[in-house]
Amino acid sequence: MKKPTVEELREYAKSIGYTNFDAEYFWHYNQSRGWMVGKHPMKNWKDAVWVWRRNAPKFGSDRKMTYKTRQDKINELNRRKQELMRTNAPYWKIHEINMQLSKL
């Protein structure tokens, strides 16, 4: 398989209506893995982009959160946690926030 350029990735994503596709991220992600899918060489990068698009909702927008956005989310969760602790909220509510923080 001929490796695509970032521009080819952008053009293809646009042609299938994948408007929030980050071509550079996709390219570097696959380049770092030697353009392998599991233990097998990638056969068709267009299919990989299509699958990437289909799987995007599973990973949510937090997957590629910028530092500022990530830090804002951490700060907000910590504020909520402090408020819950101050009001003697049930442990499970605080635990839920701790779980969210651990995923960031």
C-alpha atoms as a PDB file:
ATOM      1  CA  MET A   1       0.000   0.000   0.000  1.00  0.00           C
ATOM      2  CA  LYS A   2       1.231   3.468  -0.874  1.00  0.00           C
ATOM      3  CA  LYS A   3       1.106   5.665   2.221  1.00  0.00           C
ATOM      4  CA  PRO A   4      -1.189   8.674   1.792  1.00  0.00           C
ATOM      5  CA  THR A   5      -0.075  12.240   2.316  1.00  0.00           C
ATOM      6  CA  VAL A   6      -1.795  14.398   4.901  1.00  0.00           C
ATOM      7  CA  GLU A   7      -3.383  16.333   2.031  1.00  0.00           C
ATOM      8  CA  GLU A   8      -4.742  13.131   0.443  1.00  0.00           C
ATOM      9  CA  LEU A   9      -6.227  12.203   3.813  1.00  0.00           C
ATOM     10  CA  ARG A  10      -7.880  15.618   4.136  1.00  0.00           C
ATOM     11  CA  GLU A  11      -9.318  15.457   0.618  1.00  0.00           C
ATOM     12  CA  TYR A  12     -10.709  11.965   1.121  1.00  0.00           C
ATOM     13  CA  ALA A  13     -12.236  12.810   4.496  1.00  0.00           C
ATOM     14  CA  LYS A  14     -13.879  15.870   2.979  1.00  0.00           C
ATOM     15  CA  SER A  15     -15.252  13.774   0.103  1.00  0.00           C
ATOM     16  CA  ILE A  16     -17.028  11.424   2.540  1.00  0.00           C
ATOM     17  CA  GLY A  17     -18.325  14.287   4.688  1.00  0.00           C
ATOM     18  CA  TYR A  18     -15.961  13.721   7.614  1.00  0.00           C
ATOM     19  CA  THR A  19     -15.602  17.394   8.473  1.00  0.00           C
ATOM     20  CA  ASN A  20     -13.875  17.230  11.873  1.00  0.00           C
ATOM     21  CA  PHE A  21     -11.200  14.745  10.772  1.00  0.00           C
ATOM     22  CA  ASP A  22      -7.672  15.523  11.965  1.00  0.00           C
ATOM     23  CA  ALA A  23      -5.573  14.260   9.065  1.00  0.00           C
ATOM     24  CA  GLU A  24      -2.240  15.009  10.739  1.00  0.00           C
ATOM     25  CA  TYR A  25      -3.204  13.095  13.869  1.00  0.00           C
ATOM     26  CA  PHE A  26      -4.393  10.133  11.787  1.00  0.00           C
ATOM     27  CA  TRP A  27      -1.196  10.167   9.708  1.00  0.00           C
ATOM     28  CA  HIS A  28       1.132  10.312  12.735  1.00  0.00           C
ATOM     29  CA  TYR A  29      -0.930   7.728  14.615  1.00  0.00           C
ATOM     30  CA  ASN A  30      -0.563   5.230  11.768  1.00  0.00           C
ATOM     31  CA  GLN A  31       3.028   6.209  10.961  1.00  0.00           C
ATOM     32  CA  SER A  32       4.013   5.464  14.563  1.00  0.00           C
ATOM     33  CA  ARG A  33       2.520   1.990  14.183  1.00  0.00           C
ATOM     34  CA  GLY A  34       4.162   1.282  10.837  1.00  0.00           C
ATOM     35  CA  TRP A  35       0.783   1.462   9.044  1.00  0.00           C
ATOM     36  CA  MET A  36      -0.169  -1.834  10.665  1.00  0.00           C
ATOM     37  CA  VAL A  37      -3.634  -2.974  11.700  1.00  0.00           C
ATOM     38  CA  GLY A  38      -2.968  -5.312  14.569  1.00  0.00           C
ATOM     39  CA  LYS A  39      -0.231  -7.609  13.240  1.00  0.00           C
ATOM     40  CA  HIS A  40      -1.076  -7.055   9.573  1.00  0.00           C
ATOM     41  CA  PRO A  41      -0.060  -4.304   7.153  1.00  0.00           C
ATOM     42  CA  MET A  42      -2.835  -1.835   6.374  1.00  0.00           C
ATOM     43  CA  LYS A  43      -4.320  -2.725   2.992  1.00  0.00           C
ATOM     44  CA  ASN A  44      -6.481   0.305   2.285  1.00  0.00           C
ATOM     45  CA  TRP A  45      -6.070   3.656   4.016  1.00  0.00           C
ATOM     46  CA  LYS A  46      -9.445   4.891   2.708  1.00  0.00           C
ATOM     47  CA  ASP A  47     -11.188   2.077   4.529  1.00  0.00           C
ATOM     48  CA  ALA A  48      -9.171   2.931   7.639  1.00  0.00           C
ATOM     49  CA  VAL A  49     -10.402   6.548   7.482  1.00  0.00           C
ATOM     50  CA  TRP A  50     -13.971   5.303   7.073  1.00  0.00           C
ATOM     51  CA  VAL A  51     -13.639   3.021  10.108  1.00  0.00           C
ATOM     52  CA  TRP A  52     -11.959   5.856  12.067  1.00  0.00           C
ATOM     53  CA  ARG A  53     -15.015   7.995  11.297  1.00  0.00           C
ATOM     54  CA  ARG A  54     -17.445   5.253  12.319  1.00  0.00           C
ATOM     55  CA  ASN A  55     -15.589   4.676  15.609  1.00  0.00           C
ATOM     56  CA  ALA A  56     -15.163   8.362  16.505  1.00  0.00           C
ATOM     57  CA  PRO A  57     -18.298   8.496  18.716  1.00  0.00           C
ATOM     58  CA  LYS A  58     -16.958   5.615  20.840  1.00  0.00           C
ATOM     59  CA  PHE A  59     -13.971   7.672  21.866  1.00  0.00           C
ATOM     60  CA  GLY A  60     -15.698  11.030  22.236  1.00  0.00           C
ATOM     61  CA  SER A  61     -14.230  14.450  21.865  1.00  0.00           C
ATOM     62  CA  ASP A  62     -12.110  14.033  25.021  1.00  0.00           C
ATOM     63  CA  ARG A  63      -9.812  11.692  23.121  1.00  0.00           C
ATOM     64  CA  LYS A  64      -7.889  14.581  21.622  1.00  0.00           C
ATOM     65  CA  MET A  65      -8.612  17.256  24.163  1.00  0.00           C
ATOM     66  CA  THR A  66      -6.237  20.199  24.087  1.00  0.00           C
ATOM     67  CA  TYR A  67      -4.318  20.980  27.260  1.00  0.00           C
ATOM     68  CA  LYS A  68      -6.338  24.126  27.963  1.00  0.00           C
ATOM     69  CA  THR A  69      -9.644  22.340  27.474  1.00  0.00           C
ATOM     70  CA  ARG A  70      -8.431  19.356  29.492  1.00  0.00           C
ATOM     71  CA  GLN A  71      -7.224  21.571  32.308  1.00  0.00           C
ATOM     72  CA  ASP A  72     -10.529  23.466  32.304  1.00  0.00           C
ATOM     73  CA  LYS A  73     -12.399  20.173  32.657  1.00  0.00           C
ATOM     74  CA  ILE A  74     -10.125  19.057  35.520  1.00  0.00           C
ATOM     75  CA  ASN A  75     -10.639  22.381  37.282  1.00  0.00           C
ATOM     76  CA  GLU A  76     -14.425  22.162  36.903  1.00  0.00           C
ATOM     77  CA  LEU A  77     -14.529  18.588  38.230  1.00  0.00           C
ATOM     78  CA  ASN A  78     -12.345  19.553  41.190  1.00  0.00           C
ATOM     79  CA  ARG A  79     -14.653  22.510  41.977  1.00  0.00           C
ATOM     80  CA  ARG A  80     -17.665  20.186  41.898  1.00  0.00           C
ATOM     81  CA  LYS A  81     -15.839  17.675  44.085  1.00  0.00           C
ATOM     82  CA  GLN A  82     -14.975  20.352  46.660  1.00  0.00           C
ATOM     83  CA  GLU A  83     -18.600  21.520  46.706  1.00  0.00           C
ATOM     84  CA  LEU A  84     -19.816  17.962  47.286  1.00  0.00           C
ATOM     85  CA  MET A  85     -17.314  17.451  50.079  1.00  0.00           C
ATOM     86  CA  ARG A  86     -18.294  20.742  51.703  1.00  0.00           C
ATOM     87  CA  THR A  87     -21.975  19.732  51.699  1.00  0.00           C
ATOM     88  CA  ASN A  88     -21.275  16.209  53.010  1.00  0.00           C
ATOM     89  CA  ALA A  89     -22.616  14.586  49.829  1.00  0.00           C
ATOM     90  CA  PRO A  90     -22.784  10.787  49.604  1.00  0.00           C
ATOM     91  CA  TYR A  91     -19.472   9.068  48.922  1.00  0.00           C
ATOM     92  CA  TRP A  92     -20.632   7.635  45.593  1.00  0.00           C
ATOM     93  CA  LYS A  93     -21.114  11.129  44.120  1.00  0.00           C
ATOM     94  CA  ILE A  94     -17.539  12.056  44.981  1.00  0.00           C
ATOM     95  CA  HIS A  95     -16.373   8.692  43.674  1.00  0.00           C
ATOM     96  CA  GLU A  96     -18.062   9.382  40.313  1.00  0.00           C
ATOM     97  CA  ILE A  97     -16.078  12.602  39.959  1.00  0.00           C
ATOM     98  CA  ASN A  98     -12.863  10.813  40.928  1.00  0.00           C
ATOM     99  CA  MET A  99     -13.561   8.271  38.180  1.00  0.00           C
ATOM    100  CA  GLN A 100     -14.057  11.052  35.627  1.00  0.00           C
ATOM    101  CA  LEU A 101     -10.823  12.693  36.747  1.00  0.00           C
ATOM    102  CA  SER A 102      -8.933   9.417  36.405  1.00  0.00           C
ATOM    103  CA  LYS A 103      -9.965   9.205  32.742  1.00  0.00           C
ATOM    104  CA  LEU A 104      -8.453  12.584  31.906  1.00  0.00           C
END
